[in-house]
Amino acid sequence: MSYDVAVIGENLVDLFVSPDGATRAVVGGGPFNVARTIARLGGRVSFVSGVSDDAFGLRIREAAQSDGVTLARLAPSHLPTTMAVVELSDGDARYHFHLSDTAAFVVDGVDDLRDVSALYVGTLGLVVAPMADLSESAVLRASADTLVVVDPNCRPSATVDRSAFVDRVFRMCPRVDLLKVSVDDLAFLAPGLEPRDAAQSLREAGAAVVVVTDGPRPVRALVGGDWCEIPVSPTTVVDTVGAGDSLVGSFIVWWLGQGLTRADLSRSEVVESALRAAVAVSRRTCMVRGAQPPRALQLEGEPEWAWLTPGSSTTP
């Protein structure tokens, strides 16, 4: 099947700092990880983000080309690459961001994004202007046939105006088909509420499906007024970087690859099947260091992905 996905959000360099003080630089950014997941599983994806002409920007372009991600037609930026310092401890990650006057968020001159099968926006792309305004506008102007997926992926340390960010998320909800949040995201978006109640508030704001992740615990989804639960199989976790991104990206690939539409989101059993497939991809991402989502060939043996010929593309 041929399909097009547009992903709006940041690219950056993750500077990993291990407990012993060793460092390594890896290309990343939640939306970039989503785009790479989609491309590695055969999807045709356009990534809307400013990319620097510095050395790190070159690495980002090389990674995009290697995975088959198309960069939106934006001129290379002379601003430096956005950076996140990532402190790792027992597999978990803490982020410290360097965002001011960096390349990722300057996205003037973007083509119309209405003619796509799916649209994803998220993470810092909902925080930093002018990209945050573009992201919201793209969601609210999406065509009636476009599957809209939003992952706030809240970064409190990088969000100067929490109220404006939360208001933006809730404004988008009436046009959001799938809203993916972690329990930490819910605490930031709706402080004082239990996770189930916070998710319900997003559902009541208009989001068709709210998916809630909670580390190694089951993934839950609020479909209509009903909850469903997808277990997460035990695995050896190297780190969790990019796990949520690969879950979202693979959900999009599975959904479109099955020929499903927005209308099918009301079918809880179909949403459960899509999430089982996505959890399988997310689990494999946790088994390697850094945000390295699996390729189709690596999903052999995963029953939810038997329809996807290993190593092949779903595009013409």
Protein backbone atom coordinates (compact mmCIF):
# COMPACT_ATOMS: atom_id res chain seq x y z
CA MET A 1 0.00 0.00 0.00
CA SER A 2 1.21 3.50 -0.79
CA TYR A 3 0.68 6.23 1.76
CA ASP A 4 2.13 9.52 2.86
CA VAL A 5 2.79 10.69 6.40
CA ALA A 6 3.91 14.17 7.43
CA VAL A 7 5.81 14.51 10.70
CA ILE A 8 6.32 17.97 12.21
CA GLY A 9 8.76 18.47 15.06
CA GLU A 10 12.33 18.81 16.14
CA ASN A 11 15.50 17.06 15.16
CA LEU A 12 18.39 17.33 17.55
CA VAL A 13 21.52 15.71 18.88
CA ASP A 14 21.23 13.72 22.09
CA LEU A 15 24.44 14.06 24.08
CA PHE A 16 24.34 11.01 26.33
CA VAL A 17 26.16 11.21 29.64
CA SER A 18 26.61 7.88 31.42
CA PRO A 19 27.11 7.55 35.20
CA ASP A 20 30.87 7.19 34.69
CA GLY A 21 30.97 10.50 32.82
CA ALA A 22 31.47 9.06 29.33
CA THR A 23 29.63 10.94 26.57
CA ARG A 24 28.41 10.14 23.08
CA ALA A 25 26.41 12.15 20.55
CA VAL A 26 23.47 10.51 18.75
CA VAL A 27 20.99 12.07 16.33
CA GLY A 28 17.47 12.11 17.69
CA GLY A 29 14.47 14.17 18.69
CA GLY A 30 11.09 12.56 19.33
CA PRO A 31 9.47 13.52 16.01
CA PHE A 32 12.62 12.55 14.06
CA ASN A 33 12.51 9.17 15.80
CA VAL A 34 8.86 8.82 14.77
CA ALA A 35 9.73 9.61 11.15
CA ARG A 36 12.59 7.09 11.17
CA THR A 37 10.32 4.40 12.62
CA ILE A 38 7.78 4.96 9.87
CA ALA A 39 10.43 4.89 7.15
CA ARG A 40 12.18 1.80 8.54
CA LEU A 41 8.87 -0.05 8.39
CA GLY A 42 8.33 0.92 4.77
CA GLY A 43 6.27 4.09 5.09
CA ARG A 44 6.71 7.12 2.87
CA VAL A 45 7.25 10.00 5.27
CA SER A 46 8.09 13.70 4.98
CA PHE A 47 9.83 15.27 7.97
CA VAL A 48 9.13 18.97 8.53
CA SER A 49 11.96 20.46 10.57
CA GLY A 50 14.80 22.92 10.15
CA VAL A 51 18.15 21.17 9.76
CA SER A 52 21.43 22.93 10.44
CA ASP A 53 24.33 23.07 8.02
CA ASP A 54 26.76 22.29 10.87
CA ALA A 55 28.46 18.92 11.44
CA PHE A 56 25.58 17.56 13.52
CA GLY A 57 23.09 18.68 10.88
CA LEU A 58 25.04 16.71 8.30
CA ARG A 59 24.72 13.60 10.48
CA ILE A 60 20.98 14.18 10.75
CA ARG A 61 20.67 14.46 6.97
CA GLU A 62 22.72 11.29 6.52
CA ALA A 63 20.51 9.41 9.01
CA ALA A 64 17.37 10.60 7.23
CA GLN A 65 18.72 9.53 3.85
CA SER A 66 19.85 6.16 5.19
CA ASP A 67 16.41 5.38 6.60
CA GLY A 68 14.43 6.78 3.67
CA VAL A 69 13.03 9.85 5.44
CA THR A 70 12.31 12.73 3.05
CA LEU A 71 13.25 16.11 4.48
CA ALA A 72 10.76 18.86 3.68
CA ARG A 73 12.06 21.34 1.15
CA LEU A 74 13.67 23.77 3.56
CA ALA A 75 16.99 25.49 2.97
CA PRO A 76 19.78 24.34 5.33
CA SER A 77 19.91 26.61 8.36
CA HIS A 78 23.00 28.48 9.49
CA LEU A 79 21.75 28.17 13.07
CA PRO A 80 23.30 25.41 15.20
CA THR A 81 21.69 22.03 15.72
CA THR A 82 19.34 21.76 18.68
CA MET A 83 20.86 19.74 21.54
CA ALA A 84 19.62 17.65 24.46
CA VAL A 85 21.94 16.49 27.21
CA VAL A 86 20.67 13.09 28.34
CA GLU A 87 21.67 11.71 31.73
CA LEU A 88 21.25 7.94 31.92
CA SER A 89 20.68 6.02 35.15
CA ASP A 90 19.40 2.44 35.36
CA GLY A 91 18.07 2.68 31.81
CA ASP A 92 16.00 5.80 32.45
CA ALA A 93 16.75 9.16 30.87
CA ARG A 94 16.70 12.76 32.13
CA TYR A 95 16.85 15.56 29.56
CA HIS A 96 18.36 19.05 29.63
CA PHE A 97 17.66 21.05 26.48
CA HIS A 98 19.55 23.76 24.59
CA LEU A 99 16.90 25.30 22.34
CA SER A 100 17.45 29.04 21.94
CA ASP A 101 18.41 30.19 18.45
CA THR A 102 18.74 26.68 17.05
CA ALA A 103 17.82 25.32 13.64
CA ALA A 104 15.03 22.83 14.24
CA PHE A 105 12.19 25.24 14.93
CA VAL A 106 12.58 27.59 11.96
CA VAL A 107 10.22 26.18 9.34
CA ASP A 108 9.13 29.05 7.10
CA GLY A 109 7.91 28.21 3.61
CA VAL A 110 6.51 24.74 4.33
CA ASP A 111 4.27 23.27 1.64
CA ASP A 112 0.59 22.65 2.33
CA LEU A 113 0.26 19.61 4.61
CA ARG A 114 -3.40 18.85 3.97
CA ASP A 115 -2.87 16.20 1.31
CA VAL A 116 -1.47 13.43 3.52
CA SER A 117 -2.89 10.19 4.87
CA ALA A 118 -1.55 10.85 8.36
CA LEU A 119 -0.14 13.81 10.25
CA TYR A 120 1.97 13.61 13.40
CA VAL A 121 2.98 16.53 15.63
CA GLY A 122 4.58 16.47 19.03
CA THR A 123 7.23 17.05 21.67
CA LEU A 124 9.14 20.33 21.45
CA GLY A 125 7.43 21.07 18.16
CA LEU A 126 4.44 22.03 20.32
CA VAL A 127 6.55 24.25 22.58
CA VAL A 128 8.95 26.39 20.55
CA ALA A 129 7.78 29.06 18.08
CA PRO A 130 7.34 29.34 15.17
CA MET A 131 7.06 25.56 14.84
CA ALA A 132 4.48 25.30 17.63
CA ASP A 133 2.12 27.60 15.73
CA LEU A 134 2.67 25.67 12.50
CA SER A 135 1.96 22.37 14.27
CA GLU A 136 -1.31 23.56 15.76
CA SER A 137 -2.42 25.12 12.47
CA ALA A 138 -1.62 21.92 10.57
CA VAL A 139 -3.71 19.87 12.98
CA LEU A 140 -6.70 22.19 12.93
CA ARG A 141 -6.58 22.50 9.12
CA ALA A 142 -6.06 18.79 8.41
CA SER A 143 -8.33 17.34 5.75
CA ALA A 144 -11.28 15.19 6.77
CA ASP A 145 -9.50 12.02 5.61
CA THR A 146 -6.21 12.64 7.44
CA LEU A 147 -5.40 10.58 10.54
CA VAL A 148 -4.08 13.09 13.10
CA VAL A 149 -1.72 11.79 15.78
CA VAL A 150 -0.37 13.97 18.60
CA ASP A 151 2.20 13.10 21.26
CA PRO A 152 2.74 16.00 23.70
CA ASN A 153 5.75 14.13 25.16
CA CYS A 154 5.92 16.86 27.79
CA ARG A 155 9.32 18.30 28.66
CA PRO A 156 8.77 20.45 31.78
CA SER A 157 12.36 21.69 31.85
CA ALA A 158 11.97 23.04 28.30
CA THR A 159 8.46 24.46 28.66
CA VAL A 160 8.69 28.06 29.81
CA ASP A 161 4.95 28.75 29.59
CA ARG A 162 3.17 25.65 30.85
CA SER A 163 -0.28 27.23 30.61
CA ALA A 164 0.16 28.14 26.94
CA PHE A 165 1.40 24.62 26.16
CA VAL A 166 -1.51 22.94 27.94
CA ASP A 167 -4.01 25.27 26.27
CA ARG A 168 -2.51 24.39 22.88
CA VAL A 169 -2.90 20.66 23.50
CA PHE A 170 -6.52 21.02 24.57
CA ARG A 171 -7.31 23.32 21.63
CA MET A 172 -6.12 20.64 19.23
CA CYS A 173 -8.07 17.81 20.84
CA PRO A 174 -11.28 18.21 18.79
CA ARG A 175 -9.29 17.27 15.67
CA VAL A 176 -6.97 14.70 17.24
CA ASP A 177 -7.62 11.08 16.33
CA LEU A 178 -4.93 9.48 18.50
CA LEU A 179 -3.44 11.28 21.50
CA LYS A 180 -0.55 9.37 23.03
CA VAL A 181 0.46 10.37 26.56
CA SER A 182 2.52 8.90 29.37
CA VAL A 183 1.44 9.03 33.00
CA ASP A 184 4.08 11.74 33.46
CA ASP A 185 2.52 13.71 30.59
CA LEU A 186 -0.87 13.46 32.27
CA ALA A 187 0.55 14.81 35.52
CA PHE A 188 1.89 17.82 33.62
CA LEU A 189 -1.24 18.40 31.54
CA ALA A 190 -3.76 17.87 34.36
CA PRO A 191 -2.01 18.14 37.74
CA GLY A 192 -3.92 16.77 40.69
CA LEU A 193 -5.94 14.29 38.67
CA GLU A 194 -5.48 10.55 38.67
CA PRO A 195 -4.18 9.28 35.30
CA ARG A 196 -7.54 7.79 34.31
CA ASP A 197 -9.36 11.03 35.11
CA ALA A 198 -6.73 13.12 33.31
CA ALA A 199 -7.03 10.90 30.22
CA GLN A 200 -10.81 11.22 30.42
CA SER A 201 -10.50 15.02 30.41
CA LEU A 202 -8.56 14.82 27.15
CA ARG A 203 -11.15 12.47 25.71
CA GLU A 204 -13.91 14.87 26.74
CA ALA A 205 -11.97 17.70 25.07
CA GLY A 206 -12.42 15.85 21.79
CA ALA A 207 -9.55 13.39 21.27
CA ALA A 208 -11.00 10.26 19.66
CA VAL A 209 -8.58 7.81 21.29
CA VAL A 210 -6.28 8.47 24.24
CA VAL A 211 -3.38 6.03 24.66
CA VAL A 212 -1.59 6.00 28.02
CA THR A 213 1.86 4.48 28.52
CA ASP A 214 3.40 3.75 31.90
CA GLY A 215 6.87 2.30 31.47
CA PRO A 216 6.85 -1.51 31.73
CA ARG A 217 3.22 -1.59 32.83
CA PRO A 218 0.38 -2.31 30.39
CA VAL A 219 -0.50 0.26 27.75
CA ARG A 220 -4.06 1.49 28.21
CA ALA A 221 -6.34 3.10 25.67
CA LEU A 222 -9.54 5.03 26.15
CA VAL A 223 -11.72 4.32 23.13
CA GLY A 224 -15.05 6.09 23.35
CA GLY A 225 -16.04 5.55 26.96
CA ASP A 226 -14.29 2.20 27.38
CA TRP A 227 -10.78 1.27 28.47
CA CYS A 228 -8.74 -1.49 26.91
CA GLU A 229 -5.39 -2.79 28.14
CA ILE A 230 -2.43 -4.21 26.23
CA PRO A 231 0.21 -6.08 28.26
CA VAL A 232 3.89 -5.34 27.78
CA SER A 233 5.96 -8.52 27.61
CA PRO A 234 9.02 -8.62 29.88
CA THR A 235 12.25 -7.88 28.05
CA THR A 236 15.84 -6.96 28.72
CA VAL A 237 15.83 -3.16 28.74
CA VAL A 238 19.04 -1.47 27.60
CA ASP A 239 17.41 1.96 27.72
CA THR A 240 14.01 3.48 27.03
CA VAL A 241 15.12 6.26 24.68
CA GLY A 242 12.74 6.42 21.72
CA ALA A 243 10.38 3.74 23.03
CA GLY A 244 7.31 5.97 22.93
CA ASP A 245 8.32 7.40 19.57
CA SER A 246 8.59 3.96 17.98
CA LEU A 247 5.22 3.00 19.47
CA VAL A 248 3.54 5.98 17.83
CA GLY A 249 5.33 5.60 14.50
CA SER A 250 4.59 1.91 14.23
CA PHE A 251 0.93 2.47 15.16
CA ILE A 252 0.63 4.79 12.16
CA VAL A 253 2.31 2.28 9.83
CA TRP A 254 0.14 -0.60 11.03
CA TRP A 255 -3.07 1.42 10.84
CA LEU A 256 -2.52 2.70 7.33
CA GLY A 257 -1.02 -0.58 6.19
CA GLN A 258 -4.25 -2.34 7.14
CA GLY A 259 -6.24 0.14 5.07
CA LEU A 260 -7.98 1.55 8.13
CA THR A 261 -9.44 5.03 8.40
CA ARG A 262 -10.41 7.52 11.08
CA ALA A 263 -13.83 5.90 11.32
CA ASP A 264 -12.25 2.64 12.47
CA LEU A 265 -10.94 4.29 15.65
CA SER A 266 -14.32 3.62 17.25
CA ARG A 267 -13.65 -0.13 17.03
CA SER A 268 -11.86 -0.99 20.27
CA GLU A 269 -10.78 -4.43 19.06
CA VAL A 270 -9.01 -2.89 16.06
CA VAL A 271 -7.30 -0.26 18.23
CA GLU A 272 -6.14 -3.08 20.52
CA SER A 273 -4.65 -4.96 17.57
CA ALA A 274 -2.82 -1.85 16.40
CA LEU A 275 -1.44 -1.24 19.88
CA ARG A 276 -0.27 -4.84 20.25
CA ALA A 277 1.69 -4.36 17.04
CA ALA A 278 3.06 -1.03 18.27
CA VAL A 279 4.05 -2.44 21.66
CA ALA A 280 6.04 -5.16 19.89
CA VAL A 281 8.05 -2.49 18.04
CA SER A 282 8.51 -0.39 21.17
CA ARG A 283 9.75 -3.42 23.10
CA ARG A 284 12.41 -4.10 20.48
CA THR A 285 13.50 -0.46 20.60
CA CYS A 286 14.18 -0.85 24.34
CA MET A 287 16.49 -3.80 23.65
CA VAL A 288 19.17 -1.67 21.98
CA ARG A 289 21.05 1.44 22.99
CA GLY A 290 19.60 4.75 21.87
CA ALA A 291 16.60 5.46 19.66
CA GLN A 292 17.07 2.73 17.06
CA PRO A 293 13.65 1.46 15.99
CA PRO A 294 13.62 -1.93 14.29
CA ARG A 295 13.41 -2.46 10.57
CA ALA A 296 10.80 -4.68 8.97
CA LEU A 297 13.25 -7.59 8.72
CA GLN A 298 13.75 -7.51 12.49
CA LEU A 299 10.04 -8.05 13.10
CA GLU A 300 10.05 -11.60 11.79
CA GLY A 301 8.23 -13.76 14.30
CA GLU A 302 5.97 -10.94 15.47
CA PRO A 303 2.49 -12.15 14.46
CA GLU A 304 1.05 -8.64 14.30
CA TRP A 305 3.54 -7.79 11.55
CA ALA A 306 3.23 -10.93 9.43
CA TRP A 307 1.47 -8.87 6.72
CA LEU A 308 4.58 -6.75 6.20
CA THR A 309 7.05 -8.53 3.94
CA PRO A 310 10.40 -8.31 5.74
CA GLY A 311 12.73 -5.82 4.17
CA SER A 312 10.22 -4.60 1.60
CA SER A 313 8.58 -1.21 1.20
CA THR A 314 4.87 -0.51 1.27
CA THR A 315 5.41 2.26 -1.27
CA PRO A 316 5.45 1.91 -5.06
